[in-house]
Amino acid sequence: MGIQKIADMANVSIATVSRVINNPEVVKKRTREKIQKILEETSYEKYNNQFTPPIHKDIIGVIIPDVINSFFARVLEGVIKQAKKLDLPVTLYLTHDDPSEELNAIDKLIEQQVKGLVFIRSRNKEKESMKSIQKLNKNSLPFVLVDRDMSYSDNSGVFLSNASAVYDAINLLANDGYKRIAIITGPKNNMNAIQRLDGYKQALFKNGLSFDESLIYRGNFSIESGLEETIDILEQKEIPDAIFSCANQITIGCLKAINEKKLKVGKDIKLFSFNKPSASQVDNFDFSYVEHPVSYMGERSVIILNNKLVGTKGLIREIMDYKINY
């Protein structure tokens, strides 16, 4: 029995079932116990973080880092929703941003002779992920990238509006009187981080604000880095007027740090987030955020993949629109 059937029986999402299997402590006790009971009754077995349905000629693979990050979980919900509409069973692999697990998952999917793949590659590992893409191309396995693009190759995919979304956000802050705006971005070699930082710089220039290297903080898109970098920001002699967080996980760390310092978001310091964490993680905090249709990204990735499966040639690339909650 597959993970989708378990989710249907428990009347929960596939991401929630996956969390119970992989990280049960993050799921509410009542929900966790209900799902665990169904897993026991159906003799469901976990094997190497993979959920493999019976052999099916139209099966597609999905490779994502994890389902703890609400962004990935929402992408997965969209993938499952659209795949169900197209009668495409899904097999899921979690890589935990480990390139070796990524390559292993691709080997397994090739062995299973899946028809295609939706793929969020390992973070900051372009060189390693290129090996994955080369293997997919060598085996003529159609794939669609989601969120994490590649710098030096052309691939079909669905991506976020990185530079333009940050540009609009910083422009709003500047128009509202914020002058010293810190940014917590990602590593220097990360394509998303580069594009978001470019949007930040362009907005400063447009508003006549000087670029201050001391206001650039680099994390790794994790909660821990958001916490550490925000503490560093708040311990400076001159605290900035606002912080722009370049990822939903960073934002969670920012909120923890601001709370630990006994400061109030929106009053003592303005916080602006690129994408919003799940509601349960940010309740009662007053911050602004860029909102992308994340679940829809998953849906579009399956539609693009299906187009490839029925014979559409060439690149198919989409950049998601967004709205700003300010």
Protein backbone atom coordinates (compact mmCIF):
# COMPACT_ATOMS: atom_id res chain seq x y z
CA MET A 1 0.00 0.00 0.00
CA GLY A 2 1.37 3.41 -1.00
CA ILE A 3 1.73 6.57 1.04
CA GLN A 4 -1.10 8.26 -0.88
CA LYS A 5 -3.55 5.55 0.25
CA ILE A 6 -2.41 5.95 3.87
CA ALA A 7 -3.01 9.71 3.60
CA ASP A 8 -6.51 9.15 2.19
CA MET A 9 -7.40 6.70 4.97
CA ALA A 10 -6.23 9.14 7.66
CA ASN A 11 -7.77 12.15 5.90
CA VAL A 12 -4.48 14.04 6.04
CA SER A 13 -1.91 15.22 3.51
CA ILE A 14 0.82 13.01 2.10
CA ALA A 15 3.35 15.36 3.72
CA THR A 16 1.85 14.70 7.16
CA VAL A 17 2.14 10.93 6.65
CA SER A 18 5.74 11.37 5.53
CA ARG A 19 6.50 13.42 8.66
CA VAL A 20 5.07 10.67 10.89
CA ILE A 21 7.26 8.11 9.12
CA ASN A 22 10.45 10.18 9.17
CA ASN A 23 10.09 12.74 12.00
CA PRO A 24 7.10 11.74 14.15
CA GLU A 25 7.98 14.16 16.95
CA VAL A 26 6.96 17.16 14.81
CA VAL A 27 3.38 15.91 14.37
CA LYS A 28 0.65 16.50 16.95
CA LYS A 29 0.13 13.46 19.19
CA ARG A 30 -3.49 12.78 18.20
CA THR A 31 -2.73 12.93 14.46
CA ARG A 32 0.49 10.96 14.88
CA GLU A 33 -1.23 8.14 16.76
CA LYS A 34 -4.03 7.93 14.19
CA ILE A 35 -1.57 7.61 11.31
CA GLN A 36 0.68 5.18 13.18
CA LYS A 37 -2.32 2.95 13.86
CA ILE A 38 -3.16 2.85 10.16
CA LEU A 39 0.48 2.12 9.31
CA GLU A 40 0.45 -0.82 11.73
CA GLU A 41 -2.89 -2.14 10.52
CA THR A 42 -1.78 -2.04 6.90
CA SER A 43 1.71 -3.42 7.65
CA TYR A 44 3.30 -0.43 5.93
CA GLU A 45 7.09 -0.63 5.83
CA LYS A 46 9.55 2.25 5.42
CA TYR A 47 12.66 1.56 3.36
CA ASN A 48 15.50 4.01 2.81
CA ASN A 49 13.28 7.08 2.79
CA GLN A 50 11.53 5.88 -0.35
CA PHE A 51 7.88 5.17 -0.96
CA THR A 52 7.60 2.83 -3.92
CA PRO A 53 4.20 1.90 -5.31
CA PRO A 54 3.62 -1.25 -7.35
CA ILE A 55 5.19 -1.31 -10.83
CA HIS A 56 3.13 0.89 -13.12
CA LYS A 57 4.02 1.91 -16.64
CA ASP A 58 3.09 5.55 -16.02
CA ILE A 59 4.80 6.12 -12.68
CA ILE A 60 6.75 9.37 -12.13
CA GLY A 61 9.47 10.06 -9.59
CA VAL A 62 9.76 12.99 -7.19
CA ILE A 63 13.04 13.93 -5.53
CA ILE A 64 12.98 16.63 -2.83
CA PRO A 65 15.25 17.42 0.14
CA ASP A 66 12.66 16.86 2.92
CA VAL A 67 9.09 17.52 4.01
CA ILE A 68 9.94 19.30 7.26
CA ASN A 69 10.49 22.54 5.38
CA SER A 70 6.98 23.83 4.67
CA PHE A 71 8.10 25.08 1.24
CA PHE A 72 9.01 21.58 0.05
CA ALA A 73 5.91 20.09 1.67
CA ARG A 74 3.68 22.54 -0.22
CA VAL A 75 5.46 21.81 -3.52
CA LEU A 76 4.87 18.11 -2.87
CA GLU A 77 1.16 18.69 -2.21
CA GLY A 78 0.87 20.37 -5.60
CA VAL A 79 2.75 17.56 -7.32
CA ILE A 80 0.49 14.91 -5.76
CA LYS A 81 -2.65 16.87 -6.58
CA GLN A 82 -1.83 17.26 -10.27
CA ALA A 83 -0.38 13.76 -10.64
CA LYS A 84 -3.63 12.34 -9.28
CA LYS A 85 -5.61 14.31 -11.88
CA LEU A 86 -3.43 12.86 -14.64
CA ASP A 87 -3.51 9.33 -13.18
CA LEU A 88 0.26 9.34 -12.67
CA PRO A 89 1.32 7.36 -9.57
CA VAL A 90 4.20 8.95 -7.69
CA THR A 91 7.24 7.48 -5.97
CA LEU A 92 9.00 9.82 -3.55
CA TYR A 93 12.63 10.07 -2.47
CA LEU A 94 14.01 12.41 0.20
CA THR A 95 17.66 13.42 -0.18
CA HIS A 96 18.25 15.65 2.87
CA ASP A 97 20.36 17.83 0.54
CA ASP A 98 22.90 15.03 0.26
CA PRO A 99 24.22 14.60 -3.33
CA SER A 100 25.01 10.92 -2.74
CA GLU A 101 21.41 10.27 -1.72
CA GLU A 102 20.31 12.27 -4.76
CA LEU A 103 22.34 10.08 -7.12
CA ASN A 104 21.16 6.94 -5.36
CA ALA A 105 17.54 8.04 -5.78
CA ILE A 106 18.08 8.65 -9.49
CA ASP A 107 19.64 5.19 -9.88
CA LYS A 108 16.61 3.65 -8.18
CA LEU A 109 14.19 5.58 -10.40
CA ILE A 110 16.05 4.52 -13.52
CA GLU A 111 15.87 0.89 -12.33
CA GLN A 112 12.13 1.29 -11.81
CA GLN A 113 11.81 2.62 -15.37
CA VAL A 114 9.76 5.62 -14.29
CA LYS A 115 8.45 7.82 -17.09
CA GLY A 116 9.83 11.10 -15.75
CA LEU A 117 10.99 13.05 -12.74
CA VAL A 118 10.15 16.20 -10.77
CA PHE A 119 13.35 17.28 -9.08
CA ILE A 120 14.45 19.75 -6.38
CA ARG A 121 18.20 19.30 -6.43
CA SER A 122 20.60 19.43 -3.49
CA ARG A 123 21.30 22.90 -2.09
CA ASN A 124 24.60 24.59 -3.05
CA LYS A 125 25.75 21.48 -4.89
CA GLU A 126 25.65 22.48 -8.56
CA LYS A 127 28.70 20.45 -9.53
CA GLU A 128 27.27 17.31 -7.92
CA SER A 129 23.78 17.95 -9.28
CA MET A 130 25.24 18.29 -12.78
CA LYS A 131 26.26 14.63 -12.46
CA SER A 132 22.63 13.82 -11.66
CA ILE A 133 21.40 15.73 -14.70
CA GLN A 134 23.99 14.12 -16.95
CA LYS A 135 22.82 10.70 -15.78
CA LEU A 136 19.18 11.62 -16.46
CA ASN A 137 20.04 12.84 -19.95
CA LYS A 138 22.18 9.77 -20.66
CA ASN A 139 19.20 7.55 -19.79
CA SER A 140 16.76 9.78 -21.75
CA LEU A 141 14.67 10.32 -18.62
CA PRO A 142 12.59 13.54 -18.89
CA PHE A 143 12.80 15.78 -15.83
CA VAL A 144 11.58 19.14 -14.54
CA LEU A 145 13.52 21.20 -12.01
CA VAL A 146 11.63 23.05 -9.28
CA ASP A 147 12.93 26.11 -7.39
CA ARG A 148 16.66 25.42 -7.69
CA ASP A 149 17.92 26.18 -11.19
CA MET A 150 21.39 25.50 -12.60
CA SER A 151 23.78 28.31 -13.54
CA TYR A 152 25.46 26.91 -16.63
CA SER A 153 22.86 24.72 -18.33
CA ASP A 154 19.38 25.07 -19.76
CA ASN A 155 16.73 22.88 -18.13
CA SER A 156 12.97 22.85 -18.09
CA GLY A 157 11.57 23.92 -14.77
CA VAL A 158 9.39 26.06 -12.53
CA PHE A 159 11.16 28.79 -10.56
CA LEU A 160 10.53 31.66 -8.17
CA SER A 161 10.69 35.35 -9.07
CA ASN A 162 13.90 35.93 -7.17
CA ALA A 163 15.36 39.31 -8.16
CA SER A 164 12.10 41.08 -9.01
CA ALA A 165 10.31 39.99 -5.81
CA VAL A 166 13.15 41.22 -3.59
CA TYR A 167 13.42 44.43 -5.62
CA ASP A 168 9.73 45.19 -5.03
CA ALA A 169 9.99 44.36 -1.33
CA ILE A 170 13.02 46.58 -0.71
CA ASN A 171 11.42 49.34 -2.76
CA LEU A 172 8.39 49.26 -0.45
CA LEU A 173 10.61 49.52 2.62
CA ALA A 174 12.57 52.42 1.15
CA ASN A 175 9.38 54.27 0.18
CA ASP A 176 8.16 53.80 3.74
CA GLY A 177 11.24 55.53 5.19
CA TYR A 178 13.48 52.57 6.01
CA LYS A 179 17.07 53.53 5.19
CA ARG A 180 19.34 50.91 6.77
CA ILE A 181 18.05 47.57 5.56
CA ALA A 182 20.02 44.43 6.40
CA ILE A 183 19.63 41.31 4.30
CA ILE A 184 20.23 37.68 5.29
CA THR A 185 20.91 35.82 2.08
CA GLY A 186 22.42 32.47 1.14
CA PRO A 187 25.91 31.29 0.17
CA LYS A 188 27.86 33.17 -2.52
CA ASN A 189 27.69 30.25 -4.96
CA ASN A 190 23.91 29.73 -4.65
CA MET A 191 21.96 30.88 -7.71
CA ASN A 192 18.81 31.85 -5.78
CA ALA A 193 20.89 33.81 -3.28
CA ILE A 194 22.74 35.63 -6.07
CA GLN A 195 19.52 36.66 -7.78
CA ARG A 196 17.85 37.81 -4.55
CA LEU A 197 20.88 39.85 -3.58
CA ASP A 198 20.86 41.44 -7.04
CA GLY A 199 17.26 42.53 -6.49
CA TYR A 200 18.25 44.05 -3.15
CA LYS A 201 21.12 46.01 -4.68
CA GLN A 202 19.02 47.28 -7.59
CA ALA A 203 16.31 48.55 -5.22
CA LEU A 204 18.87 50.39 -3.08
CA PHE A 205 20.31 52.08 -6.17
CA LYS A 206 16.86 53.02 -7.45
CA ASN A 207 16.02 54.69 -4.14
CA GLY A 208 19.34 56.48 -3.78
CA LEU A 209 20.43 54.40 -0.80
CA SER A 210 24.09 53.52 -0.47
CA PHE A 211 25.17 49.89 -0.60
CA ASP A 212 26.72 48.93 2.75
CA GLU A 213 28.60 45.62 2.72
CA SER A 214 28.27 45.43 6.53
CA LEU A 215 24.51 44.99 6.13
CA ILE A 216 24.94 41.82 4.05
CA TYR A 217 24.72 38.64 6.12
CA ARG A 218 25.15 35.20 4.60
CA GLY A 219 23.40 32.13 5.94
CA ASN A 220 22.60 28.79 4.32
CA PHE A 221 18.80 29.07 4.13
CA SER A 222 18.40 27.20 7.44
CA ILE A 223 16.66 28.09 10.71
CA GLU A 224 19.99 27.90 12.53
CA SER A 225 21.70 30.37 10.21
CA GLY A 226 18.74 32.74 10.49
CA LEU A 227 19.03 32.62 14.26
CA GLU A 228 22.81 33.13 14.29
CA GLU A 229 22.87 35.93 11.73
CA THR A 230 19.98 37.81 13.37
CA ILE A 231 21.66 37.64 16.78
CA ASP A 232 24.76 39.09 15.14
CA ILE A 233 22.68 41.88 13.58
CA LEU A 234 20.96 42.71 16.87
CA GLU A 235 24.26 42.86 18.76
CA GLN A 236 25.69 45.58 16.51
CA LYS A 237 26.12 49.10 17.93
CA GLU A 238 23.71 50.45 15.34
CA ILE A 239 20.78 48.12 14.70
CA PRO A 240 19.34 48.41 11.17
CA ASP A 241 15.81 49.70 10.57
CA ALA A 242 14.72 46.49 8.89
CA ILE A 243 15.85 42.95 8.06
CA PHE A 244 15.05 41.19 4.80
CA SER A 245 15.15 37.40 5.15
CA CYS A 246 15.79 35.53 1.90
CA ALA A 247 14.06 32.26 2.87
CA ASN A 248 11.17 31.01 4.99
CA GLN A 249 13.50 28.90 7.17
CA ILE A 250 15.78 31.90 7.77
CA THR A 251 12.69 33.85 8.83
CA ILE A 252 11.89 31.33 11.56
CA GLY A 253 15.41 31.81 12.92
CA CYS A 254 15.02 35.61 12.71
CA LEU A 255 11.83 35.51 14.75
CA LYS A 256 13.45 33.32 17.40
CA ALA A 257 16.40 35.67 17.72
CA ILE A 258 14.27 38.80 17.92
CA ASN A 259 12.09 37.13 20.53
CA GLU A 260 15.14 36.03 22.55
CA LYS A 261 16.37 39.64 22.56
CA LYS A 262 12.99 40.72 24.01
CA LEU A 263 12.30 42.87 20.97
CA LYS A 264 9.03 43.15 19.11
CA VAL A 265 8.77 42.50 15.39
CA GLY A 266 7.14 45.41 13.62
CA LYS A 267 7.80 47.79 16.50
CA ASP A 268 11.48 47.54 17.41
CA ILE A 269 12.57 46.23 14.04
CA LYS A 270 10.83 45.57 10.71
CA LEU A 271 11.07 42.05 9.26
CA PHE A 272 10.37 41.17 5.62
CA SER A 273 10.45 37.54 4.46
CA PHE A 274 10.93 35.93 1.06
CA ASN A 275 8.05 33.43 1.31
CA LYS A 276 6.07 32.79 4.46
CA PRO A 277 6.76 29.90 6.87
CA SER A 278 3.84 27.70 7.88
CA ALA A 279 1.30 29.49 10.06
CA SER A 280 2.03 27.36 13.12
CA GLN A 281 5.64 28.57 13.13
CA VAL A 282 4.93 32.30 12.89
CA ASP A 283 1.69 32.87 14.79
CA ASN A 284 1.35 36.25 16.50
CA PHE A 285 4.28 37.87 14.68
CA ASP A 286 3.77 41.03 12.63
CA PHE A 287 6.02 40.79 9.59
CA SER A 288 5.74 41.36 5.85
CA TYR A 289 6.37 38.70 3.23
CA VAL A 290 6.55 37.87 -0.45
CA GLU A 291 4.03 35.18 -1.30
CA HIS A 292 4.54 32.78 -4.19
CA PRO A 293 1.96 30.12 -5.18
CA VAL A 294 4.17 27.30 -3.90
CA SER A 295 1.69 24.45 -4.19
CA TYR A 296 0.87 25.63 -7.71
CA MET A 297 4.58 25.32 -8.55
CA GLY A 298 4.24 21.62 -7.86
CA GLU A 299 1.15 21.38 -10.05
CA ARG A 300 2.85 23.19 -12.93
CA SER A 301 5.92 20.98 -12.68
CA VAL A 302 3.77 17.88 -13.29
CA ILE A 303 1.94 19.56 -16.18
CA ILE A 304 5.28 20.47 -17.80
CA LEU A 305 6.58 16.95 -17.24
CA ASN A 306 3.43 15.46 -18.75
CA ASN A 307 3.84 17.73 -21.78
CA LYS A 308 7.31 16.31 -22.23
CA LEU A 309 5.98 12.78 -21.88
CA VAL A 310 3.47 13.30 -24.70
CA GLY A 311 6.09 14.67 -27.06
CA THR A 312 6.59 18.41 -26.47
CA LYS A 313 10.14 19.26 -27.54
CA GLY A 314 12.57 21.86 -26.22
CA LEU A 315 12.72 23.85 -23.01
CA ILE A 316 9.63 24.65 -20.98
CA ARG A 317 10.41 27.19 -18.27
CA GLU A 318 8.04 29.14 -16.05
CA ILE A 319 8.69 31.88 -13.50
CA MET A 320 6.01 32.12 -10.82
CA ASP A 321 4.22 35.41 -10.20
CA TYR A 322 3.93 36.68 -6.63
CA LYS A 323 2.16 39.10 -4.37
CA ILE A 324 3.45 41.08 -1.44
CA ASN A 325 1.78 41.20 1.95
CA TYR A 326 3.02 44.44 3.52
